[in-house]
């Protein structure tokens, strides 16, 4: 859908300008004729404005969108016109980018655009799920309920994401500190001992010699090693952007010993909640599956959702492709199958998402209790090796002398 800028004259021969979002120029002409306007010119607005708006909207936080959806739902339910509601919300928004975005949306709506079309011009702020649900809410006349449902969905999704991040931050910090301490010991402390041991006219123990060798390599090639890790990370990230790379990496992540189970539970919860919210809001099932596939965040699961979509398109059920994927447990696929047969699919999906939210909580607690002693143990082994290797020649100093 494109945006067209028009210049026309009304029945009083006054010039009128504005913008209309439509599929083509013919649709704009038809709309202007309905308004009894004499058309002077119609020009399509280039995508540069849209791209600039989208690019500048990347820093809007999800929390702000949740508050916005909740407040807009309240205003719509109270019978306040959309333009007035957006004006009021725009005034109280402190984030400059979001304020500009709302200003553009208000202008588009005042020029005849629908709310969903105006939102769709800012994909960095309002994703596909948000736009489609708003479109359904507008069509069905239940915009307030849909906006409230969006806010609730986003709140639960954010809460789940924060739990997972909180579980991963602690081990990441500890591992980073362990690596930094080890590098400092190898680059700064070990060379001092190496100079002392050079004066000993004796062969050093194998552990000490190996430690000194590693220290020498790091001193000479530390920048290259760091650069190599950064380059490897960059290449891995670029490869993940390709289809084959995403399949390999995402599949490997799901098979990780400790984190894989947590990632699987998060993915099942997200899949269930997203699909339930869309179906509950009245979005057609094929369109819902298309949105779920794009927002699930794992290529393996995205391919599974594509299989589900093909199954549904051919008149079959959702459950078989999910069971075939090996990612979804039998309990989940059976509940979905029962939900389809009983006509209560969204209710079953919500129960699944709630169950797996609890499972994620338990997994996060378990992950913290497992990783903490594991990291301490590994760190103790590394530091212990360095200390023993450094002081082994001193313990044997009598023999060396």
Protein backbone atom coordinates (compact mmCIF):
# COMPACT_ATOMS: atom_id res chain seq x y z
CA UNK A 1 0.00 0.00 0.00
CA UNK A 2 1.38 3.40 -1.08
CA UNK A 3 0.78 6.98 0.06
CA UNK A 4 -0.45 9.60 -2.45
CA UNK A 5 -0.37 13.36 -2.06
CA UNK A 6 -3.22 15.19 -3.78
CA UNK A 7 -4.17 18.74 -4.67
CA UNK A 8 -7.86 19.38 -5.36
CA UNK A 9 -10.64 21.97 -5.15
CA UNK A 10 -13.79 21.68 -3.08
CA UNK A 11 -17.30 22.85 -4.02
CA UNK A 12 -16.40 26.36 -2.84
CA UNK A 13 -13.44 26.45 -5.27
CA UNK A 14 -10.91 26.43 -2.43
CA UNK A 15 -7.68 24.49 -2.78
CA UNK A 16 -7.42 21.36 -0.65
CA UNK A 17 -4.25 19.31 -0.13
CA UNK A 18 -3.67 16.09 1.75
CA UNK A 19 -2.42 12.52 1.72
CA UNK A 20 -4.27 9.25 1.19
CA UNK A 21 -2.98 5.70 1.67
CA UNK A 22 -4.27 3.44 -1.11
CA UNK A 23 -3.29 0.48 -3.27
CA UNK A 24 -3.09 2.54 -6.49
CA UNK A 25 -3.86 5.88 -8.09
CA UNK A 26 -7.31 4.77 -9.28
CA UNK A 27 -8.38 4.10 -5.68
CA UNK A 28 -7.29 7.64 -4.73
CA UNK A 29 -9.31 9.14 -7.61
CA UNK A 30 -12.37 7.17 -6.55
CA UNK A 31 -11.99 8.31 -2.91
CA UNK A 32 -11.60 11.98 -3.90
CA UNK A 33 -14.69 11.81 -6.13
CA UNK A 34 -16.67 10.44 -3.18
CA UNK A 35 -15.62 13.55 -1.29
CA UNK A 36 -16.93 15.73 -4.19
CA UNK A 37 -13.48 17.18 -4.89
CA UNK A 38 -12.18 18.36 -8.25
CA UNK A 39 -8.78 16.72 -8.76
CA UNK A 40 -5.87 18.93 -9.81
CA UNK A 41 -2.91 16.58 -9.22
CA UNK A 42 -2.08 13.26 -7.55
CA UNK A 43 1.52 12.23 -6.82
CA UNK A 44 2.85 9.20 -5.01
CA UNK A 45 4.97 9.97 -1.93
CA UNK A 46 8.37 8.30 -2.29
CA UNK A 47 9.53 5.66 0.19
CA UNK A 48 12.45 7.81 1.37
CA UNK A 49 10.24 9.49 3.94
CA UNK A 50 9.00 6.15 5.19
CA UNK A 51 12.52 4.71 5.38
CA UNK A 52 13.80 7.74 7.21
CA UNK A 53 10.94 7.52 9.70
CA UNK A 54 11.51 3.80 10.21
CA UNK A 55 15.25 4.22 10.66
CA UNK A 56 14.84 6.97 13.21
CA UNK A 57 12.27 4.96 15.17
CA UNK A 58 14.56 2.08 16.11
CA UNK A 59 15.23 3.32 19.64
CA UNK A 60 11.62 3.26 20.82
CA UNK A 61 11.37 0.80 23.73
CA UNK A 62 8.74 -1.89 23.92
CA UNK A 63 7.62 -0.59 27.34
CA UNK A 64 6.59 2.71 25.76
CA UNK A 65 4.56 0.92 23.09
CA UNK A 66 2.79 -1.13 25.80
CA UNK A 67 1.82 2.04 27.69
CA UNK A 68 0.74 3.69 24.43
CA UNK A 69 -1.50 0.74 23.45
CA UNK A 70 -3.04 0.59 26.91
CA UNK A 71 -3.78 4.35 27.00
CA UNK A 72 -5.11 4.45 23.43
CA UNK A 73 -7.42 1.53 24.26
CA UNK A 74 -8.79 3.49 27.24
CA UNK A 75 -9.40 6.59 25.09
CA UNK A 76 -11.11 4.63 22.30
CA UNK A 77 -13.32 2.85 24.84
CA UNK A 78 -14.25 6.25 26.31
CA UNK A 79 -15.41 7.40 22.87
CA UNK A 80 -12.62 9.93 22.23
CA UNK A 81 -11.87 10.33 18.47
CA UNK A 82 -8.61 8.72 17.34
CA UNK A 83 -6.97 11.98 16.21
CA UNK A 84 -7.71 13.71 19.52
CA UNK A 85 -6.52 10.67 21.46
CA UNK A 86 -3.25 10.54 19.51
CA UNK A 87 -2.73 14.28 20.03
CA UNK A 88 -3.16 13.85 23.79
CA UNK A 89 -0.78 10.87 23.90
CA UNK A 90 1.77 12.67 21.75
CA UNK A 91 1.93 15.55 24.24
CA UNK A 92 2.79 13.29 27.18
CA UNK A 93 5.39 11.14 25.34
CA UNK A 94 8.89 12.16 26.37
CA UNK A 95 10.90 10.07 23.89
CA UNK A 96 11.63 12.35 20.88
CA UNK A 97 11.57 9.64 18.21
CA UNK A 98 8.27 8.20 19.42
CA UNK A 99 6.81 11.71 19.63
CA UNK A 100 7.74 12.34 15.96
CA UNK A 101 6.31 8.98 14.97
CA UNK A 102 2.97 9.72 16.67
CA UNK A 103 2.93 13.15 15.04
CA UNK A 104 3.33 11.57 11.58
CA UNK A 105 0.64 8.97 12.36
CA UNK A 106 -1.78 11.69 13.54
CA UNK A 107 -1.17 13.65 10.35
CA UNK A 108 -1.76 10.58 8.17
CA UNK A 109 -5.04 9.76 9.94
CA UNK A 110 -6.27 13.35 9.67
CA UNK A 111 -5.66 13.10 5.91
CA UNK A 112 -7.87 10.03 5.57
CA UNK A 113 -5.57 7.13 6.36
CA UNK A 114 -6.72 4.28 8.59
CA UNK A 115 -4.98 3.62 11.90
CA UNK A 116 -3.48 0.29 10.78
CA UNK A 117 -2.11 1.78 7.55
CA UNK A 118 -0.59 4.69 9.47
CA UNK A 119 1.04 2.23 11.91
CA UNK A 120 2.34 0.07 9.05
CA UNK A 121 4.52 2.96 7.81
CA UNK A 122 6.65 2.61 10.96
CA UNK A 123 7.66 -1.08 11.10
CA UNK A 124 10.57 -0.36 13.46
CA UNK A 125 8.04 0.77 16.09
CA UNK A 126 4.88 -1.20 15.28
CA UNK A 127 5.59 -4.74 14.09
CA UNK A 128 3.48 -6.93 11.78
CA UNK A 129 1.57 -8.48 14.66
CA UNK A 130 0.60 -5.06 16.07
CA UNK A 131 -0.52 -3.73 12.67
CA UNK A 132 -2.56 -6.82 11.75
CA UNK A 133 -4.35 -6.92 15.08
CA UNK A 134 -5.21 -3.22 14.82
CA UNK A 135 -6.54 -3.82 11.30
CA UNK A 136 -8.80 -6.60 12.60
CA UNK A 137 -9.92 -4.38 15.49
CA UNK A 138 -10.84 -1.58 13.08
CA UNK A 139 -12.72 -3.94 10.75
CA UNK A 140 -14.65 -5.64 13.55
CA UNK A 141 -15.34 -2.49 15.54
CA UNK A 142 -13.50 -3.84 18.58
CA UNK A 143 -10.39 -1.65 18.45
CA UNK A 144 -10.35 -0.94 22.21
CA UNK A 145 -10.46 -4.63 23.13
CA UNK A 146 -7.78 -5.49 20.56
CA UNK A 147 -5.45 -2.72 21.75
CA UNK A 148 -5.90 -3.90 25.33
CA UNK A 149 -5.13 -7.47 24.20
CA UNK A 150 -1.98 -6.28 22.39
CA UNK A 151 -0.78 -4.51 25.54
CA UNK A 152 -1.40 -7.61 27.65
CA UNK A 153 0.42 -9.82 25.12
CA UNK A 154 3.43 -7.48 24.98
CA UNK A 155 3.61 -7.21 28.77
CA UNK A 156 3.76 -11.00 29.16
CA UNK A 157 6.28 -11.34 26.32
CA UNK A 158 8.53 -8.67 27.86
CA UNK A 159 8.27 -10.31 31.29
CA UNK A 160 9.38 -13.62 29.79
CA UNK A 161 12.26 -11.99 27.91
CA UNK A 162 13.48 -10.22 31.06
CA UNK A 163 13.48 -13.48 33.01
CA UNK A 164 15.66 -15.16 30.40
CA UNK A 165 18.01 -12.17 30.20
CA UNK A 166 18.34 -12.07 33.97
CA UNK A 167 19.26 -15.75 33.95
CA UNK A 168 21.96 -15.22 31.31
CA UNK A 169 23.49 -11.98 32.62
CA UNK A 170 25.03 -13.52 35.76
CA UNK A 171 26.97 -16.32 34.03
CA UNK A 172 28.00 -13.95 31.23
CA UNK A 173 29.46 -11.45 33.73
CA UNK A 174 31.26 -14.16 35.73
CA UNK A 175 32.72 -15.78 32.60
CA UNK A 176 33.85 -12.38 31.28
CA UNK A 177 35.57 -11.54 34.59
CA UNK A 178 37.22 -14.98 34.65
CA UNK A 179 38.58 -14.50 31.12
CA UNK A 180 39.88 -10.99 31.92
CA UNK A 181 41.56 -12.16 35.16
CA UNK A 182 43.17 -15.11 33.36
CA UNK A 183 44.49 -12.89 30.55
CA UNK A 184 45.92 -10.39 33.09
CA UNK A 185 47.67 -13.21 34.94
CA UNK A 186 49.10 -14.63 31.73
CA UNK A 187 50.21 -11.30 30.27
CA UNK A 188 51.39 -9.45 33.41
CA UNK A 189 52.15 -11.92 36.22
CA UNK A 190 53.56 -14.96 34.42
CA UNK A 191 56.30 -12.98 32.54
CA UNK A 192 57.65 -11.75 35.91
CA UNK A 193 58.06 -15.32 37.13
CA UNK A 194 59.47 -16.35 33.75
CA UNK A 195 62.31 -13.81 34.12
CA UNK A 196 63.15 -15.24 37.56
CA UNK A 197 63.12 -18.81 36.28
CA UNK A 198 65.48 -17.93 33.41
CA UNK A 199 68.27 -17.55 35.98
CA UNK A 200 67.75 -21.17 37.08
CA UNK A 201 70.13 -23.41 35.23
CA UNK A 202 67.64 -26.26 35.17
CA UNK A 203 64.80 -27.60 33.11
CA UNK A 204 61.41 -26.29 34.25
CA UNK A 205 58.45 -28.60 34.92
CA UNK A 206 56.23 -29.31 31.92
CA UNK A 207 53.26 -27.43 33.41
CA UNK A 208 55.37 -24.31 34.03
CA UNK A 209 56.95 -24.45 30.58
CA UNK A 210 53.53 -24.81 28.94
CA UNK A 211 52.19 -21.83 30.95
CA UNK A 212 55.16 -19.65 29.95
CA UNK A 213 54.71 -20.66 26.31
CA UNK A 214 51.02 -19.68 26.40
CA UNK A 215 51.99 -16.39 28.09
CA UNK A 216 54.57 -15.62 25.37
CA UNK A 217 52.05 -16.34 22.62
CA UNK A 218 49.46 -14.09 24.24
CA UNK A 219 51.96 -11.25 24.73
CA UNK A 220 52.92 -11.32 21.06
CA UNK A 221 49.54 -12.08 19.51
CA UNK A 222 46.93 -10.83 22.03
CA UNK A 223 45.54 -8.22 19.65
CA UNK A 224 45.40 -10.80 16.86
CA UNK A 225 43.61 -13.27 19.13
CA UNK A 226 41.04 -10.65 20.19
CA UNK A 227 40.66 -9.54 16.57
CA UNK A 228 40.23 -13.17 15.49
CA UNK A 229 37.44 -13.75 18.01
CA UNK A 230 35.71 -10.53 16.93
CA UNK A 231 36.03 -11.46 13.26
CA UNK A 232 34.72 -14.98 13.97
CA UNK A 233 31.76 -13.48 15.84
CA UNK A 234 31.04 -11.09 12.97
CA UNK A 235 31.25 -13.83 10.32
CA UNK A 236 29.04 -16.11 12.43
CA UNK A 237 26.49 -13.31 12.73
CA UNK A 238 26.56 -12.69 8.97
CA UNK A 239 26.20 -16.41 8.31
CA UNK A 240 23.21 -16.50 10.66
CA UNK A 241 21.51 -13.99 8.35
CA UNK A 242 21.57 -16.58 5.54
CA UNK A 243 18.92 -19.31 5.46
CA UNK A 244 21.37 -22.21 5.72
CA UNK A 245 23.39 -20.54 8.48
CA UNK A 246 20.27 -19.72 10.49
CA UNK A 247 19.09 -23.35 10.26
CA UNK A 248 22.46 -24.73 11.42
CA UNK A 249 22.97 -22.22 14.27
CA UNK A 250 19.38 -22.23 15.56
CA UNK A 251 19.28 -26.03 15.44
CA UNK A 252 22.56 -26.18 17.40
CA UNK A 253 21.21 -23.73 20.00
CA UNK A 254 18.17 -25.91 20.63
CA UNK A 255 20.48 -28.91 21.21
CA UNK A 256 22.72 -27.21 23.81
CA UNK A 257 22.92 -29.22 27.07
CA UNK A 258 21.54 -26.65 29.53
CA UNK A 259 20.47 -23.61 27.51
CA UNK A 260 18.78 -25.61 24.72
CA UNK A 261 15.93 -26.77 26.95
CA UNK A 262 15.35 -23.22 28.19
CA UNK A 263 15.34 -21.81 24.63
CA UNK A 264 12.88 -24.52 23.54
CA UNK A 265 10.48 -23.69 26.38
CA UNK A 266 10.68 -19.97 25.61
CA UNK A 267 9.98 -20.65 21.91
CA UNK A 268 6.95 -22.87 22.67
CA UNK A 269 5.56 -20.25 25.05
CA UNK A 270 6.04 -17.47 22.48
CA UNK A 271 4.51 -19.56 19.68
CA UNK A 272 1.45 -20.47 21.78
CA UNK A 273 0.83 -16.99 23.13
CA UNK A 274 1.29 -15.23 19.78
CA UNK A 275 -0.97 -17.63 17.88
CA UNK A 276 -3.58 -17.56 20.66
CA UNK A 277 -3.63 -13.75 20.72
CA UNK A 278 -4.01 -13.52 16.93
CA UNK A 279 -6.72 -16.20 16.67
CA UNK A 280 -8.56 -14.70 19.65
CA UNK A 281 -8.50 -11.28 17.96
CA UNK A 282 -10.05 -12.66 14.78
CA UNK A 283 -7.01 -12.72 12.49
CA UNK A 284 -7.43 -15.51 9.86
CA UNK A 285 -5.46 -18.65 10.74
CA UNK A 286 -3.17 -18.59 7.67
CA UNK A 287 -2.33 -14.93 8.25
CA UNK A 288 -1.80 -15.67 11.96
CA UNK A 289 0.64 -18.49 11.16
CA UNK A 290 2.50 -16.22 8.75
CA UNK A 291 2.94 -13.60 11.49
CA UNK A 292 3.94 -16.23 14.08
CA UNK A 293 6.62 -17.57 11.72
CA UNK A 294 8.14 -14.11 11.28
CA UNK A 295 8.14 -13.25 14.99
CA UNK A 296 9.15 -16.57 16.58
CA UNK A 297 12.89 -15.80 16.31
CA UNK A 298 14.18 -19.28 15.41
CA UNK A 299 14.66 -20.52 11.84
CA UNK A 300 13.97 -24.17 12.71
CA UNK A 301 10.65 -23.22 14.30
CA UNK A 302 9.89 -20.82 11.44
CA UNK A 303 10.25 -23.71 8.97
CA UNK A 304 7.98 -25.81 11.18
CA UNK A 305 5.35 -23.05 11.13
CA UNK A 306 5.65 -22.94 7.32
CA UNK A 307 4.88 -26.68 7.25
CA UNK A 308 1.88 -26.04 9.51
CA UNK A 309 0.71 -23.29 7.17
CA UNK A 310 0.92 -25.61 4.14
CA UNK A 311 -0.97 -28.28 6.09
CA UNK A 312 -3.75 -25.87 7.01
CA UNK A 313 -3.91 -24.52 3.43
CA UNK A 314 -4.52 -28.06 2.17
CA UNK A 315 -7.35 -28.51 4.68
CA UNK A 316 -5.50 -30.49 7.35
CA UNK A 317 -4.79 -29.77 11.02
CA UNK A 318 -2.02 -27.87 12.83
CA UNK A 319 -0.79 -30.62 15.17
CA UNK A 320 0.93 -33.18 12.82
CA UNK A 321 3.72 -30.87 11.50
CA UNK A 322 4.41 -29.69 15.07
CA UNK A 323 4.78 -33.29 16.25
CA UNK A 324 7.00 -34.10 13.26
CA UNK A 325 9.41 -31.22 14.04
CA UNK A 326 10.65 -32.86 17.26
CA UNK A 327 10.69 -29.46 19.01
CA UNK A 328 7.15 -29.57 20.41
CA UNK A 329 6.50 -32.21 23.11
CA UNK A 330 3.60 -34.70 22.66
CA UNK A 331 1.59 -32.94 25.40
CA UNK A 332 1.61 -29.69 23.39
CA UNK A 333 0.65 -31.28 20.07
CA UNK A 334 -2.15 -33.30 21.68
CA UNK A 335 -3.59 -30.24 23.42
CA UNK A 336 -3.51 -28.31 20.14
CA UNK A 337 -5.18 -31.24 18.36
CA UNK A 338 -7.93 -31.36 21.01
CA UNK A 339 -8.35 -27.58 20.76
CA UNK A 340 -8.81 -27.79 16.98
CA UNK A 341 -11.38 -30.58 17.23
CA UNK A 342 -13.35 -28.90 20.03
CA UNK A 343 -13.22 -25.40 18.49
CA UNK A 344 -11.29 -24.03 21.49
CA UNK A 345 -7.86 -23.66 19.92
CA UNK A 346 -7.08 -20.25 21.43
CA UNK A 347 -8.03 -21.46 24.93
CA UNK A 348 -5.71 -24.47 24.62
CA UNK A 349 -2.89 -22.31 23.28
CA UNK A 350 -3.23 -19.90 26.19
CA UNK A 351 -3.10 -22.81 28.66
CA UNK A 352 0.06 -24.07 26.93
CA UNK A 353 1.71 -20.64 27.10
CA UNK A 354 0.84 -20.26 30.80
CA UNK A 355 2.19 -23.74 31.56
CA UNK A 356 5.45 -23.03 29.73
CA UNK A 357 5.80 -19.64 31.41
CA UNK A 358 5.90 -21.54 34.71
CA UNK A 359 8.32 -24.02 33.14
CA UNK A 360 10.60 -21.14 32.10
CA UNK A 361 10.53 -19.77 35.68
CA UNK A 362 11.56 -23.17 37.03
CA UNK A 363 14.22 -23.57 34.31
CA UNK A 364 15.68 -20.12 35.07
CA UNK A 365 15.94 -20.95 38.78
CA UNK A 366 17.50 -24.31 37.96
CA UNK A 367 19.88 -22.74 35.47
CA UNK A 368 21.17 -20.29 38.07
CA UNK A 369 21.69 -23.04 40.65
CA UNK A 370 23.53 -25.26 38.14
CA UNK A 371 25.68 -22.64 36.41
CA UNK A 372 26.96 -20.91 39.55
CA UNK A 373 28.91 -23.91 40.97
CA UNK A 374 29.90 -24.97 37.44
CA UNK A 375 31.51 -21.60 36.67
CA UNK A 376 33.18 -21.43 40.07
CA UNK A 377 34.57 -24.93 39.51
CA UNK A 378 35.95 -24.13 36.05
CA UNK A 379 37.40 -20.84 37.30
CA UNK A 380 39.01 -22.66 40.25
CA UNK A 381 40.60 -25.21 37.91
CA UNK A 382 42.04 -22.51 35.61
CA UNK A 383 43.39 -20.31 38.40
CA UNK A 384 44.60 -23.38 40.30
CA UNK A 385 46.50 -24.59 37.25
CA UNK A 386 48.20 -21.19 36.85
CA UNK A 387 49.15 -20.98 40.54
CA UNK A 388 50.49 -24.56 40.70
CA UNK A 389 52.41 -24.14 37.44
CA UNK A 390 53.96 -20.87 38.68
CA UNK A 391 55.02 -22.13 42.09
CA UNK A 392 56.06 -25.66 41.16
CA UNK A 393 59.70 -24.59 40.39
CA UNK A 394 59.85 -22.70 43.71
CA UNK A 395 58.67 -25.83 45.55
CA UNK A 396 61.53 -27.71 43.88
CA UNK A 397 64.05 -24.86 44.37
CA UNK A 398 66.33 -26.98 46.58
CA UNK A 399 66.76 -29.59 43.87
CA UNK A 400 67.23 -26.88 41.18
CA UNK A 401 69.97 -25.14 43.24
